[in-house]
Amino acid sequence: MGVGVFIHNPRIAFLFVILAAIGTYAPMSVWWSYPTTFLSGPAAAGAVGMINSMGNLGGFVGPYITGWIKQATGSFAGAWVYLALSLTAAGLMILTFKKQLPPTRWKEK
């Protein structure tokens, strides 16, 4: 998505948009099931609520940041790069979560 901004051929740029959509929406089913893998009950519900809240906050703040960057630079290219870097940072942050495996019942011999 960050590279697609600098391509002026509409067909190739559209391919980058498709790749960005695949990369963004493909992991959604895993993402929504992830909090319940290490949380249960009210904690899992709270985590899902917090994810929703952060997503809604991003949907509110994102257009303002996009407009501010566009106004500051005179182009949407910087805003698209910012959004691509934000998405990359979110993907890297999810890698920091580690699931602790439950202790095994039987000891291996």
Protein backbone atom coordinates (compact mmCIF):
# COMPACT_ATOMS: atom_id res chain seq x y z
CA MET A 1 0.00 0.00 0.00
CA GLY A 2 2.81 2.42 0.79
CA VAL A 3 4.54 1.70 -2.53
CA GLY A 4 1.35 1.77 -4.60
CA VAL A 5 1.00 5.50 -4.00
CA PHE A 6 4.06 6.25 -6.11
CA ILE A 7 2.90 4.22 -9.12
CA HIS A 8 1.12 6.24 -11.79
CA ASN A 9 -0.17 3.36 -13.92
CA PRO A 10 -3.78 2.87 -12.74
CA ARG A 11 -3.82 -0.88 -13.38
CA ILE A 12 -0.66 -1.56 -11.40
CA ALA A 13 -1.80 0.82 -8.64
CA PHE A 14 -5.10 -1.07 -8.50
CA LEU A 15 -3.16 -4.34 -8.06
CA PHE A 16 -1.40 -2.80 -5.07
CA VAL A 17 -4.79 -1.78 -3.62
CA ILE A 18 -5.95 -5.39 -4.04
CA LEU A 19 -2.83 -6.69 -2.31
CA ALA A 20 -3.33 -4.20 0.52
CA ALA A 21 -6.94 -5.31 0.95
CA ILE A 22 -5.93 -8.96 1.01
CA GLY A 23 -3.23 -8.23 3.57
CA THR A 24 -5.62 -6.21 5.69
CA TYR A 25 -8.74 -8.37 5.65
CA ALA A 26 -7.31 -11.89 5.41
CA PRO A 27 -6.16 -12.07 9.05
CA MET A 28 -9.40 -10.61 10.49
CA SER A 29 -10.93 -13.95 11.44
CA VAL A 30 -7.79 -14.92 13.31
CA TRP A 31 -7.57 -11.50 14.92
CA TRP A 32 -11.08 -11.65 16.37
CA SER A 33 -10.51 -15.11 17.82
CA TYR A 34 -7.13 -14.22 19.31
CA PRO A 35 -8.25 -12.60 22.61
CA THR A 36 -10.19 -15.71 23.59
CA THR A 37 -7.10 -17.90 23.21
CA PHE A 38 -5.48 -16.40 26.31
CA LEU A 39 -8.43 -14.73 28.04
CA SER A 40 -11.77 -16.09 29.14
CA GLY A 41 -15.11 -14.82 30.37
CA PRO A 42 -15.37 -11.13 31.17
CA ALA A 43 -11.71 -10.49 30.31
CA ALA A 44 -12.21 -11.82 26.78
CA ALA A 45 -15.36 -9.72 26.38
CA GLY A 46 -13.47 -6.66 27.62
CA ALA A 47 -10.63 -7.32 25.18
CA VAL A 48 -13.04 -7.59 22.24
CA GLY A 49 -14.73 -4.38 23.40
CA MET A 50 -11.37 -2.63 23.65
CA ILE A 51 -10.44 -3.80 20.13
CA ASN A 52 -13.74 -2.39 18.85
CA SER A 53 -13.18 0.88 20.71
CA MET A 54 -9.69 1.33 19.31
CA GLY A 55 -10.97 0.55 15.81
CA ASN A 56 -13.72 3.14 16.18
CA LEU A 57 -11.24 5.66 17.52
CA GLY A 58 -8.99 5.00 14.53
CA GLY A 59 -11.95 5.45 12.20
CA PHE A 60 -12.60 8.85 13.76
CA VAL A 61 -9.01 10.11 14.07
CA GLY A 62 -7.64 8.60 10.83
CA PRO A 63 -9.46 10.95 8.43
CA TYR A 64 -8.29 13.96 10.44
CA ILE A 65 -4.67 12.78 10.32
CA THR A 66 -5.03 12.06 6.61
CA GLY A 67 -6.37 15.56 5.99
CA TRP A 68 -3.67 17.15 8.14
CA ILE A 69 -0.88 15.31 6.31
CA LYS A 70 -2.45 16.13 2.94
CA GLN A 71 -2.70 19.79 3.89
CA ALA A 72 0.88 19.86 5.21
CA THR A 73 2.42 18.08 2.22
CA GLY A 74 -0.02 18.97 -0.57
CA SER A 75 -0.44 15.32 -1.55
CA PHE A 76 -2.20 12.21 -0.32
CA ALA A 77 0.99 10.17 -0.85
CA GLY A 78 2.33 11.01 2.61
CA ALA A 79 -0.98 10.10 4.22
CA TRP A 80 -1.02 6.73 2.45
CA VAL A 81 2.54 6.05 3.58
CA TYR A 82 1.55 6.98 7.14
CA LEU A 83 -1.39 4.58 7.00
CA ALA A 84 0.84 1.82 5.60
CA LEU A 85 3.36 2.35 8.40
CA SER A 86 0.56 2.30 10.99
CA LEU A 87 -0.73 -0.99 9.62
CA THR A 88 2.80 -2.42 9.64
CA ALA A 89 3.29 -1.30 13.25
CA ALA A 90 0.01 -2.98 14.25
CA GLY A 91 1.11 -6.20 12.55
CA LEU A 92 4.45 -6.11 14.36
CA MET A 93 2.77 -5.45 17.71
CA ILE A 94 0.59 -8.54 17.40
CA LEU A 95 3.77 -10.59 17.09
CA THR A 96 4.73 -9.56 20.63
CA PHE A 97 1.82 -11.51 22.13
CA LYS A 98 2.86 -14.94 23.30
CA LYS A 99 0.43 -17.68 24.16
CA GLN A 100 1.41 -19.73 27.17
CA LEU A 101 0.68 -23.37 26.64
CA PRO A 102 -1.12 -25.17 29.47
CA PRO A 103 0.95 -27.67 31.41
CA THR A 104 0.77 -31.19 30.06
CA ARG A 105 -0.95 -33.89 32.11
CA TRP A 106 1.44 -36.63 31.23
CA LYS A 107 5.15 -36.37 31.43
CA GLU A 108 7.07 -37.44 28.42
CA LYS A 109 9.48 -40.28 28.95
